[in-house]
PDB file of N, CA and C in Angstrom:
ATOM      1  N   HIS A   1      -3.282  -8.185  11.196  1.00  0.00           N
ATOM      2  CA  HIS A   1      -3.932  -6.430  10.582  1.00  0.00           C
ATOM      3  C   HIS A   1      -4.404  -7.010   9.026  1.00  0.00           C
ATOM      4  N   MET A   2      -3.621  -7.871   8.621  1.00  0.00           N
ATOM      5  CA  MET A   2      -4.110  -8.214   7.244  1.00  0.00           C
ATOM      6  C   MET A   2      -6.161  -8.656   7.163  1.00  0.00           C
ATOM      7  N   SER A   3      -6.675  -9.012   8.348  1.00  0.00           N
ATOM      8  CA  SER A   3      -7.780  -9.079   8.203  1.00  0.00           C
ATOM      9  C   SER A   3      -8.750  -7.811   8.229  1.00  0.00           C
ATOM     10  N   PHE A   4      -8.234  -6.999   9.054  1.00  0.00           N
ATOM     11  CA  PHE A   4      -8.969  -5.747   9.010  1.00  0.00           C
ATOM     12  C   PHE A   4      -8.928  -5.093   7.231  1.00  0.00           C
ATOM     13  N   PHE A   5      -7.560  -5.258   6.945  1.00  0.00           N
ATOM     14  CA  PHE A   5      -7.554  -4.507   5.641  1.00  0.00           C
ATOM     15  C   PHE A   5      -8.511  -5.394   4.401  1.00  0.00           C
ATOM     16  N   ALA A   6      -8.540  -6.844   4.748  1.00  0.00           N
ATOM     17  CA  ALA A   6      -9.376  -7.751   4.058  1.00  0.00           C
ATOM     18  C   ALA A   6     -10.652  -7.928   4.134  1.00  0.00           C
ATOM     19  N   SER A   7     -11.213  -7.034   5.276  1.00  0.00           N
ATOM     20  CA  SER A   7     -12.773  -6.900   5.554  1.00  0.00           C
ATOM     21  C   SER A   7     -13.595  -6.071   4.851  1.00  0.00           C
ATOM     22  N   LYS A   8     -12.207  -5.020   4.335  1.00  0.00           N
ATOM     23  CA  LYS A   8     -12.880  -3.378   3.711  1.00  0.00           C
ATOM     24  C   LYS A   8     -13.231  -3.737   2.302  1.00  0.00           C
ATOM     25  N   ALA A   9     -14.226  -2.999   1.961  1.00  0.00           N
ATOM     26  CA  ALA A   9     -14.694  -3.114   0.675  1.00  0.00           C
ATOM     27  C   ALA A   9     -13.243  -2.592  -0.606  1.00  0.00           C
ATOM     28  N   SER A  10     -12.266  -1.907  -0.130  1.00  0.00           N
ATOM     29  CA  SER A  10     -11.159  -1.571  -0.890  1.00  0.00           C
ATOM     30  C   SER A  10     -10.266  -1.555  -0.032  1.00  0.00           C
ATOM     31  N   PRO A  11      -9.461  -2.464   0.128  1.00  0.00           N
ATOM     32  CA  PRO A  11      -8.518  -2.410   1.151  1.00  0.00           C
ATOM     33  C   PRO A  11      -7.353  -1.601   0.547  1.00  0.00           C
ATOM     34  N   THR A  12      -7.070  -1.367  -0.386  1.00  0.00           N
ATOM     35  CA  THR A  12      -6.011  -0.581  -1.332  1.00  0.00           C
ATOM     36  C   THR A  12      -6.419   0.781  -1.127  1.00  0.00           C
ATOM     37  N   SER A  13      -7.465   1.617  -1.018  1.00  0.00           N
ATOM     38  CA  SER A  13      -7.746   2.638  -0.547  1.00  0.00           C
ATOM     39  C   SER A  13      -7.241   2.941   0.945  1.00  0.00           C
ATOM     40  N   VAL A  14      -7.895   2.049   1.672  1.00  0.00           N
ATOM     41  CA  VAL A  14      -7.725   2.171   3.266  1.00  0.00           C
ATOM     42  C   VAL A  14      -5.902   2.140   3.388  1.00  0.00           C
ATOM     43  N   ILE A  15      -5.214   1.384   2.734  1.00  0.00           N
ATOM     44  CA  ILE A  15      -3.850   1.294   3.174  1.00  0.00           C
ATOM     45  C   ILE A  15      -3.247   2.755   2.512  1.00  0.00           C
ATOM     46  N   LEU A  16      -3.540   3.278   1.087  1.00  0.00           N
ATOM     47  CA  LEU A  16      -3.342   4.536   0.805  1.00  0.00           C
ATOM     48  C   LEU A  16      -3.481   5.697   1.424  1.00  0.00           C
ATOM     49  N   ASP A  17      -4.838   5.479   2.252  1.00  0.00           N
ATOM     50  CA  ASP A  17      -5.122   6.494   2.959  1.00  0.00           C
ATOM     51  C   ASP A  17      -4.727   6.619   4.321  1.00  0.00           C
ATOM     52  N   LEU A  18      -4.381   5.600   4.893  1.00  0.00           N
ATOM     53  CA  LEU A  18      -3.466   5.623   6.097  1.00  0.00           C
ATOM     54  C   LEU A  18      -2.219   6.111   5.955  1.00  0.00           C
ATOM     55  N   TRP A  19      -1.497   5.312   4.521  1.00  0.00           N
ATOM     56  CA  TRP A  19      -0.134   5.920   4.608  1.00  0.00           C
ATOM     57  C   TRP A  19       0.159   7.322   4.453  1.00  0.00           C
ATOM     58  N   GLU A  20      -1.111   8.224   3.543  1.00  0.00           N
ATOM     59  CA  GLU A  20      -1.390   9.711   3.321  1.00  0.00           C
ATOM     60  C   GLU A  20      -1.216  10.296   4.984  1.00  0.00           C
ATOM     61  N   ALA A  21      -1.742   9.745   5.912  1.00  0.00           N
ATOM     62  CA  ALA A  21      -1.929  10.183   6.944  1.00  0.00           C
ATOM     63  C   ALA A  21      -1.075  10.368   7.891  1.00  0.00           C
ATOM     64  N   GLN A  22      -0.147   9.317   7.361  1.00  0.00           N
ATOM     65  CA  GLN A  22       1.118   9.261   8.506  1.00  0.00           C
ATOM     66  C   GLN A  22       1.816  10.066   7.903  1.00  0.00           C
ATOM     67  N   HIS A  23       1.920  10.856   6.939  1.00  0.00           N
ATOM     68  CA  HIS A  23       3.098  11.898   6.420  1.00  0.00           C
ATOM     69  C   HIS A  23       4.623  11.463   6.186  1.00  0.00           C
ATOM     70  N   PHE A  24       4.495  10.246   5.336  1.00  0.00           N
ATOM     71  CA  PHE A  24       5.670  10.004   5.297  1.00  0.00           C
ATOM     72  C   PHE A  24       6.529  10.543   4.155  1.00  0.00           C
ATOM     73  N   HIS A  25       7.191  11.196   4.794  1.00  0.00           N
ATOM     74  CA  HIS A  25       8.307  12.399   3.849  1.00  0.00           C
ATOM     75  C   HIS A  25       9.215  11.589   3.282  1.00  0.00           C
ATOM     76  N   SER A  26       9.833  10.559   3.838  1.00  0.00           N
ATOM     77  CA  SER A  26      10.561  10.028   3.252  1.00  0.00           C
ATOM     78  C   SER A  26      10.615   9.326   1.808  1.00  0.00           C
ATOM     79  N   GLY A  27       9.323   8.838   1.388  1.00  0.00           N
ATOM     80  CA  GLY A  27       9.032   8.566   0.210  1.00  0.00           C
ATOM     81  C   GLY A  27       9.415   7.336  -0.096  1.00  0.00           C
ATOM     82  N   ASN A  28       9.348   6.426   1.140  1.00  0.00           N
ATOM     83  CA  ASN A  28      10.019   5.043   0.932  1.00  0.00           C
ATOM     84  C   ASN A  28       8.775   4.486   0.159  1.00  0.00           C
ATOM     85  N   LEU A  29       8.789   4.422  -1.182  1.00  0.00           N
ATOM     86  CA  LEU A  29       7.700   3.368  -2.047  1.00  0.00           C
ATOM     87  C   LEU A  29       7.660   2.084  -1.781  1.00  0.00           C
ATOM     88  N   ASN A  30       8.914   1.779  -1.503  1.00  0.00           N
ATOM     89  CA  ASN A  30       9.244   0.288  -1.258  1.00  0.00           C
ATOM     90  C   ASN A  30       8.415  -0.355  -0.210  1.00  0.00           C
ATOM     91  N   GLN A  31       8.285   0.345   1.090  1.00  0.00           N
ATOM     92  CA  GLN A  31       7.439  -0.167   2.143  1.00  0.00           C
ATOM     93  C   GLN A  31       6.280  -0.419   1.699  1.00  0.00           C
ATOM     94  N   LEU A  32       5.519   0.598   1.022  1.00  0.00           N
ATOM     95  CA  LEU A  32       4.172   0.652   0.550  1.00  0.00           C
ATOM     96  C   LEU A  32       3.769  -0.574  -0.193  1.00  0.00           C
ATOM     97  N   ALA A  33       4.950  -0.625  -1.420  1.00  0.00           N
ATOM     98  CA  ALA A  33       5.047  -1.905  -2.416  1.00  0.00           C
ATOM     99  C   ALA A  33       4.689  -2.976  -1.801  1.00  0.00           C
ATOM    100  N   ALA A  34       5.540  -3.318  -0.594  1.00  0.00           N
ATOM    101  CA  ALA A  34       5.480  -4.684   0.044  1.00  0.00           C
ATOM    102  C   ALA A  34       4.469  -4.725   0.756  1.00  0.00           C
ATOM    103  N   VAL A  35       3.383  -3.548   1.468  1.00  0.00           N
ATOM    104  CA  VAL A  35       2.322  -3.794   1.793  1.00  0.00           C
ATOM    105  C   VAL A  35       1.187  -4.400   0.879  1.00  0.00           C
ATOM    106  N   MET A  36       1.421  -3.665  -0.098  1.00  0.00           N
ATOM    107  CA  MET A  36       0.391  -3.807  -1.292  1.00  0.00           C
ATOM    108  C   MET A  36       0.805  -5.201  -1.958  1.00  0.00           C
ATOM    109  N   ALA A  37       1.735  -5.726  -1.909  1.00  0.00           N
ATOM    110  CA  ALA A  37       1.988  -7.119  -2.549  1.00  0.00           C
ATOM    111  C   ALA A  37       1.435  -8.092  -1.339  1.00  0.00           C
ATOM    112  N   GLU A  38       1.539  -7.579  -0.245  1.00  0.00           N
ATOM    113  CA  GLU A  38       1.248  -8.758   0.746  1.00  0.00           C
ATOM    114  C   GLU A  38      -0.377  -8.809   0.515  1.00  0.00           C
ATOM    115  N   ILE A  39      -1.181  -7.895  -0.016  1.00  0.00           N
ATOM    116  CA  ILE A  39      -2.645  -8.259  -0.068  1.00  0.00           C
ATOM    117  C   ILE A  39      -3.146  -8.716  -1.347  1.00  0.00           C
ATOM    118  N   GLY A  40      -1.730  -8.697  -1.929  1.00  0.00           N
ATOM    119  CA  GLY A  40      -2.301  -9.374  -3.424  1.00  0.00           C
ATOM    120  C   GLY A  40      -2.194  -8.369  -4.581  1.00  0.00           C
ATOM    121  N   LYS A  41      -1.912  -7.020  -3.996  1.00  0.00           N
ATOM    122  CA  LYS A  41      -2.053  -6.079  -5.280  1.00  0.00           C
ATOM    123  C   LYS A  41      -0.756  -5.858  -6.031  1.00  0.00           C
ATOM    124  N   GLN A  42      -0.158  -6.842  -6.651  1.00  0.00           N
ATOM    125  CA  GLN A  42       1.171  -7.134  -7.103  1.00  0.00           C
ATOM    126  C   GLN A  42       1.156  -5.966  -8.425  1.00  0.00           C
ATOM    127  N   GLU A  43      -0.051  -5.594  -8.974  1.00  0.00           N
ATOM    128  CA  GLU A  43       0.247  -5.011 -10.203  1.00  0.00           C
ATOM    129  C   GLU A  43       0.762  -3.347  -9.696  1.00  0.00           C
ATOM    130  N   ALA A  44       0.014  -2.748  -8.395  1.00  0.00           N
ATOM    131  CA  ALA A  44       0.469  -1.740  -7.794  1.00  0.00           C
ATOM    132  C   ALA A  44       1.832  -1.590  -7.570  1.00  0.00           C
ATOM    133  N   MET A  45       2.145  -2.540  -6.668  1.00  0.00           N
ATOM    134  CA  MET A  45       3.770  -3.012  -6.428  1.00  0.00           C
ATOM    135  C   MET A  45       4.872  -2.559  -7.504  1.00  0.00           C
ATOM    136  N   ILE A  46       4.567  -3.159  -8.893  1.00  0.00           N
ATOM    137  CA  ILE A  46       5.314  -3.241  -9.858  1.00  0.00           C
ATOM    138  C   ILE A  46       5.319  -1.672 -10.691  1.00  0.00           C
ATOM    139  N   PHE A  47       3.794  -1.048 -10.485  1.00  0.00           N
ATOM    140  CA  PHE A  47       3.901   0.577 -10.847  1.00  0.00           C
ATOM    141  C   PHE A  47       4.715   1.196  -9.676  1.00  0.00           C
ATOM    142  N   LEU A  48       4.631   0.809  -8.732  1.00  0.00           N
ATOM    143  CA  LEU A  48       5.532   1.948  -7.441  1.00  0.00           C
ATOM    144  C   LEU A  48       6.927   1.796  -7.679  1.00  0.00           C
ATOM    145  N   VAL A  49       7.564   0.478  -8.161  1.00  0.00           N
ATOM    146  CA  VAL A  49       8.603   0.026  -7.946  1.00  0.00           C
ATOM    147  C   VAL A  49       9.396   0.742  -9.206  1.00  0.00           C
ATOM    148  N   SER A  50       8.477   0.324 -10.508  1.00  0.00           N
ATOM    149  CA  SER A  50       8.909   0.866 -11.816  1.00  0.00           C
ATOM    150  C   SER A  50       8.598   2.972 -11.906  1.00  0.00           C
ATOM    151  N   ASP A  51       7.994   3.301 -10.901  1.00  0.00           N
ATOM    152  CA  ASP A  51       7.846   4.646 -11.089  1.00  0.00           C
ATOM    153  C   ASP A  51       9.232   5.926 -10.540  1.00  0.00           C
ATOM    154  N   GLY A  52       9.856   4.972  -9.821  1.00  0.00           N
ATOM    155  CA  GLY A  52      10.865   5.627  -9.119  1.00  0.00           C
ATOM    156  C   GLY A  52      12.221   5.606 -10.091  1.00  0.00           C
TER     157      GLY A  52
END
């Protein structure tokens, strides 16, 4: 799936849109942070982890 996200102009935006569409009520931001880190968005991961 990584190639799909990597092919987008804004992979982060696509991930956030998909995450929101799934209605993750559990608020598990650690999973989202892991996805962000996997595509090289470590600054977002740091923000998410420290926000909670």
